[in-house]
């Protein structure tokens, strides 16, 4: 069983020919005998476009491959409610779901969120809320609960999924940052850059995964392209492609497909 993972393709912000890129991706995955392709969020700044992409790719591939996706913060910005994100809105939507890859290995999906713990007590919740409302993309995301309540709900879902897996080895895919190792603090007055760390994820996710039977954790969100990180029996992968726009250049390659191939992870089970 071969499972491929990618995230943060940002087709709209990168101004790509979506249908052409999708067919090139599909052909590449077929040529590498991939059985399941999992997208860990941030396809578009609109959930409906992200869902359409997943459906179109599944239709193009037919029964040759399964497509699954979770929502990143960019997908959540438009076209979907909090209640829909927490529901079984579509069979391809993989939030709070699982697939048994083998009798011994289970793949678990959860969107994830953040709880500010990457900045400790350095800022008040009011300061973080003001920063988010003024500067952060996520100000567009409507939610009936606080960030910490939202995180706790997703954390409880993940805990229950890990518990339900019993002694199976687990592979977890989520959008947000799960470990402090990935975080770069900005002291000496760079408050705005440093405060952004509050909105990247939570180290609580890493803590619970490292105590479980998880063998692989795949995330996105962070565009810094960190190398795989092994902690105990668990290997953490970041599969974000990131931006290549007139203002932001995060790719090591000259074109999207080359960058996507470089960031893609294919695991065998």
Protein backbone atom coordinates (compact mmCIF):
# COMPACT_ATOMS: atom_id res chain seq x y z
CA UNK A 1 0.00 0.00 0.00
CA UNK A 2 1.49 3.33 -1.11
CA UNK A 3 0.19 6.57 0.38
CA UNK A 4 1.29 10.00 -0.89
CA UNK A 5 0.94 13.24 1.05
CA UNK A 6 1.08 16.91 0.05
CA UNK A 7 -0.19 20.20 1.44
CA UNK A 8 -0.25 23.94 0.90
CA UNK A 9 -0.45 23.77 -2.89
CA UNK A 10 -2.22 27.18 -2.84
CA UNK A 11 -3.35 26.89 -6.45
CA UNK A 12 -5.13 30.25 -6.46
CA UNK A 13 -2.43 32.33 -4.77
CA UNK A 14 0.23 30.73 -6.96
CA UNK A 15 -1.89 31.57 -10.04
CA UNK A 16 -1.71 28.10 -11.54
CA UNK A 17 -3.66 26.39 -14.31
CA UNK A 18 -5.55 24.15 -11.92
CA UNK A 19 -6.85 21.51 -14.34
CA UNK A 20 -3.46 21.14 -16.00
CA UNK A 21 -1.66 20.83 -12.65
CA UNK A 22 -4.21 18.31 -11.40
CA UNK A 23 -3.75 16.04 -14.42
CA UNK A 24 0.05 16.24 -14.18
CA UNK A 25 -0.15 15.37 -10.48
CA UNK A 26 -2.53 12.49 -11.16
CA UNK A 27 -0.25 11.05 -13.85
CA UNK A 28 2.80 11.33 -11.60
CA UNK A 29 0.99 9.56 -8.75
CA UNK A 30 -0.22 6.81 -11.09
CA UNK A 31 3.28 6.31 -12.46
CA UNK A 32 4.50 5.84 -8.88
CA UNK A 33 1.76 3.28 -8.14
CA UNK A 34 0.22 5.38 -5.36
CA UNK A 35 -2.94 3.88 -3.83
CA UNK A 36 -4.09 6.85 -1.72
CA UNK A 37 -3.31 10.55 -2.17
CA UNK A 38 -3.91 12.64 0.95
CA UNK A 39 -3.93 16.44 0.79
CA UNK A 40 -3.21 18.02 4.17
CA UNK A 41 -4.99 21.33 3.56
CA UNK A 42 -4.60 24.71 1.87
CA UNK A 43 -5.53 23.94 -1.71
CA UNK A 44 -7.49 27.18 -2.17
CA UNK A 45 -8.78 30.14 -0.18
CA UNK A 46 -12.26 28.64 -0.58
CA UNK A 47 -13.49 25.30 0.72
CA UNK A 48 -15.80 24.77 -2.26
CA UNK A 49 -12.89 25.06 -4.68
CA UNK A 50 -10.83 22.66 -2.57
CA UNK A 51 -13.68 20.16 -2.49
CA UNK A 52 -14.18 20.51 -6.25
CA UNK A 53 -10.48 19.85 -6.83
CA UNK A 54 -10.62 16.66 -4.74
CA UNK A 55 -13.78 15.50 -6.52
CA UNK A 56 -12.36 16.28 -9.97
CA UNK A 57 -9.15 14.43 -9.19
CA UNK A 58 -11.07 11.44 -7.84
CA UNK A 59 -13.25 11.41 -10.95
CA UNK A 60 -10.20 11.58 -13.22
CA UNK A 61 -8.52 8.68 -11.40
CA UNK A 62 -11.60 6.54 -10.94
CA UNK A 63 -10.94 3.33 -9.03
CA UNK A 64 -7.17 3.52 -9.59
CA UNK A 65 -6.57 5.66 -6.48
CA UNK A 66 -8.35 7.12 -3.45
CA UNK A 67 -8.26 10.89 -2.92
CA UNK A 68 -8.72 12.33 0.56
CA UNK A 69 -8.24 15.84 1.92
CA UNK A 70 -8.45 17.75 5.16
CA UNK A 71 -9.01 21.49 5.52
CA UNK A 72 -6.26 23.95 6.30
CA UNK A 73 -6.94 27.45 7.53
CA UNK A 74 -6.98 28.81 3.96
CA UNK A 75 -9.64 26.33 2.84
CA UNK A 76 -11.70 27.39 5.87
CA UNK A 77 -11.68 31.08 4.90
CA UNK A 78 -14.70 31.00 2.58
CA UNK A 79 -17.49 28.72 1.44
CA UNK A 80 -17.91 26.63 4.58
CA UNK A 81 -19.20 26.97 8.14
CA UNK A 82 -17.63 25.71 11.34
CA UNK A 83 -20.48 23.22 11.68
CA UNK A 84 -19.88 21.89 8.17
CA UNK A 85 -16.15 21.55 8.83
CA UNK A 86 -16.98 19.40 11.84
CA UNK A 87 -19.39 17.22 9.85
CA UNK A 88 -19.11 14.46 7.27
CA UNK A 89 -19.68 16.98 4.49
CA UNK A 90 -18.28 14.72 1.76
CA UNK A 91 -16.82 11.20 1.49
CA UNK A 92 -13.50 12.67 0.31
CA UNK A 93 -13.26 14.99 3.31
CA UNK A 94 -11.03 13.21 5.82
CA UNK A 95 -11.39 15.25 9.01
CA UNK A 96 -11.97 13.03 12.07
CA UNK A 97 -11.97 9.89 9.91
CA UNK A 98 -9.70 6.91 9.40
CA UNK A 99 -8.72 4.28 6.84
CA UNK A 100 -7.09 0.97 7.73
CA UNK A 101 -4.12 0.72 5.37
CA UNK A 102 -3.28 -2.80 6.54
CA UNK A 103 -4.58 -4.94 9.43
CA UNK A 104 -1.80 -3.40 11.53
CA UNK A 105 -1.70 0.25 10.33
CA UNK A 106 -4.44 2.89 10.51
CA UNK A 107 -4.42 6.30 8.80
CA UNK A 108 -6.14 9.05 10.83
CA UNK A 109 -7.08 12.53 9.61
CA UNK A 110 -7.82 15.65 11.66
CA UNK A 111 -7.77 19.30 10.57
CA UNK A 112 -6.30 20.51 13.85
CA UNK A 113 -6.10 24.09 15.15
CA UNK A 114 -4.00 26.13 17.61
CA UNK A 115 -4.05 27.10 21.28
CA UNK A 116 -1.25 29.72 21.53
CA UNK A 117 1.09 27.49 23.56
CA UNK A 118 4.04 28.09 21.22
CA UNK A 119 4.40 31.59 22.74
CA UNK A 120 3.75 30.56 26.35
CA UNK A 121 2.67 33.47 28.51
CA UNK A 122 4.59 36.10 26.55
CA UNK A 123 1.39 37.67 25.22
CA UNK A 124 -2.13 37.98 26.57
CA UNK A 125 -5.04 36.38 24.74
CA UNK A 126 -6.30 39.89 24.05
CA UNK A 127 -3.02 40.83 22.35
CA UNK A 128 -3.11 37.69 20.22
CA UNK A 129 -6.76 38.31 19.30
CA UNK A 130 -5.93 41.87 18.24
CA UNK A 131 -3.00 40.66 16.14
CA UNK A 132 -5.15 37.99 14.51
CA UNK A 133 -7.95 40.44 13.72
CA UNK A 134 -5.55 42.98 12.22
CA UNK A 135 -3.00 40.90 10.33
CA UNK A 136 -3.76 37.17 10.11
CA UNK A 137 -5.62 35.38 7.33
CA UNK A 138 -7.70 33.48 9.88
CA UNK A 139 -9.69 36.60 10.78
CA UNK A 140 -11.89 35.56 7.83
CA UNK A 141 -12.81 32.26 9.50
CA UNK A 142 -16.11 32.42 11.38
CA UNK A 143 -16.35 30.23 14.47
CA UNK A 144 -18.82 30.06 17.38
CA UNK A 145 -16.10 29.07 19.86
CA UNK A 146 -12.73 30.42 20.95
CA UNK A 147 -9.47 29.23 19.39
CA UNK A 148 -8.66 27.22 22.50
CA UNK A 149 -12.10 25.62 22.55
CA UNK A 150 -11.77 24.76 18.88
CA UNK A 151 -8.34 23.26 19.46
CA UNK A 152 -9.59 21.25 22.45
CA UNK A 153 -12.42 19.78 20.39
CA UNK A 154 -10.04 18.65 17.65
CA UNK A 155 -7.57 17.39 20.27
CA UNK A 156 -10.31 15.30 21.88
CA UNK A 157 -11.23 13.87 18.48
CA UNK A 158 -7.63 12.90 17.83
CA UNK A 159 -7.29 11.34 21.28
CA UNK A 160 -10.43 9.28 20.71
CA UNK A 161 -9.22 8.16 17.29
CA UNK A 162 -5.88 7.05 18.73
CA UNK A 163 -7.67 5.21 21.53
CA UNK A 164 -10.05 3.52 19.07
CA UNK A 165 -7.07 2.31 17.02
CA UNK A 166 -6.06 0.10 19.93
CA UNK A 167 -2.62 -1.39 19.36
CA UNK A 168 -2.59 -0.66 15.64
CA UNK A 169 0.26 1.51 14.45
CA UNK A 170 -1.13 4.87 13.37
CA UNK A 171 -0.28 7.42 10.71
CA UNK A 172 -1.70 10.86 11.48
CA UNK A 173 -2.29 13.63 8.96
CA UNK A 174 -3.17 17.12 10.21
CA UNK A 175 -2.65 20.63 8.90
CA UNK A 176 -1.10 22.54 11.79
CA UNK A 177 2.33 22.45 13.43
CA UNK A 178 2.62 19.70 16.09
CA UNK A 179 6.01 20.40 17.67
CA UNK A 180 7.94 23.28 19.19
CA UNK A 181 11.02 22.08 17.24
CA UNK A 182 9.57 23.78 14.16
CA UNK A 183 9.02 27.15 15.83
CA UNK A 184 11.40 30.09 15.50
CA UNK A 185 10.99 32.76 18.14
CA UNK A 186 11.69 36.43 17.36
CA UNK A 187 12.80 38.32 20.49
CA UNK A 188 14.22 41.83 20.73
CA UNK A 189 11.20 43.76 19.60
CA UNK A 190 10.03 41.70 16.62
CA UNK A 191 6.67 41.29 18.32
CA UNK A 192 4.49 40.89 15.24
CA UNK A 193 6.61 38.09 13.77
CA UNK A 194 6.89 36.36 17.11
CA UNK A 195 3.19 36.60 17.92
CA UNK A 196 2.37 34.74 14.70
CA UNK A 197 3.80 31.62 16.37
CA UNK A 198 0.70 31.54 18.58
CA UNK A 199 -1.40 30.72 15.51
CA UNK A 200 0.69 27.90 14.04
CA UNK A 201 -0.44 24.87 16.06
CA UNK A 202 0.29 23.28 19.42
CA UNK A 203 2.96 21.12 21.01
CA UNK A 204 0.20 19.20 22.80
CA UNK A 205 -0.38 17.34 19.54
CA UNK A 206 3.21 16.14 19.44
CA UNK A 207 3.04 15.13 23.09
CA UNK A 208 0.03 12.87 22.59
CA UNK A 209 1.38 11.39 19.36
CA UNK A 210 4.73 10.54 20.93
CA UNK A 211 2.93 8.59 23.66
CA UNK A 212 0.85 6.63 21.14
CA UNK A 213 1.56 3.97 18.53
CA UNK A 214 1.97 6.65 15.86
CA UNK A 215 4.79 5.89 13.41
CA UNK A 216 4.34 8.80 10.97
CA UNK A 217 2.88 12.29 11.35
CA UNK A 218 2.29 14.41 8.26
CA UNK A 219 1.52 18.12 8.51
CA UNK A 220 1.69 21.32 6.47
CA UNK A 221 0.95 24.98 7.30
CA UNK A 222 4.59 25.90 7.89
CA UNK A 223 6.30 26.80 4.61
CA UNK A 224 9.88 26.55 5.90
CA UNK A 225 10.36 23.00 4.55
CA UNK A 226 11.94 21.42 7.66
CA UNK A 227 13.61 18.05 7.25
CA UNK A 228 11.88 14.91 8.59
CA UNK A 229 12.20 14.66 12.36
CA UNK A 230 12.33 11.30 14.16
CA UNK A 231 11.10 11.25 17.76
CA UNK A 232 11.03 7.76 19.22
CA UNK A 233 9.16 5.57 16.73
CA UNK A 234 7.39 8.54 15.13
CA UNK A 235 8.73 10.37 12.06
CA UNK A 236 7.34 13.87 11.48
CA UNK A 237 7.06 15.12 7.89
CA UNK A 238 6.18 18.59 6.65
CA UNK A 239 4.82 18.41 3.08
CA UNK A 240 3.95 22.06 2.41
CA UNK A 241 4.67 23.40 -1.08
CA UNK A 242 4.16 27.05 -0.15
CA UNK A 243 4.09 30.28 -2.16
CA UNK A 244 5.82 31.51 -5.27
CA UNK A 245 4.20 34.88 -5.91
CA UNK A 246 5.37 38.35 -6.88
CA UNK A 247 5.89 39.14 -3.19
CA UNK A 248 6.81 35.80 -1.59
CA UNK A 249 9.28 33.26 -2.98
CA UNK A 250 9.41 30.06 -0.94
CA UNK A 251 10.17 27.46 -3.59
CA UNK A 252 13.57 25.93 -4.20
CA UNK A 253 12.42 25.00 -7.72
CA UNK A 254 11.51 27.16 -10.70
CA UNK A 255 8.10 25.61 -11.32
CA UNK A 256 5.19 24.27 -9.29
CA UNK A 257 5.34 20.62 -10.35
CA UNK A 258 9.04 20.32 -9.55
CA UNK A 259 8.43 21.88 -6.14
CA UNK A 260 5.39 19.66 -5.51
CA UNK A 261 7.40 16.56 -6.40
CA UNK A 262 10.22 17.65 -4.11
CA UNK A 263 7.88 18.20 -1.14
CA UNK A 264 5.70 15.13 -1.78
CA UNK A 265 6.11 12.23 0.64
CA UNK A 266 5.27 8.68 -0.46
CA UNK A 267 5.15 6.06 2.30
CA UNK A 268 4.87 2.29 1.89
CA UNK A 269 2.81 0.12 4.22
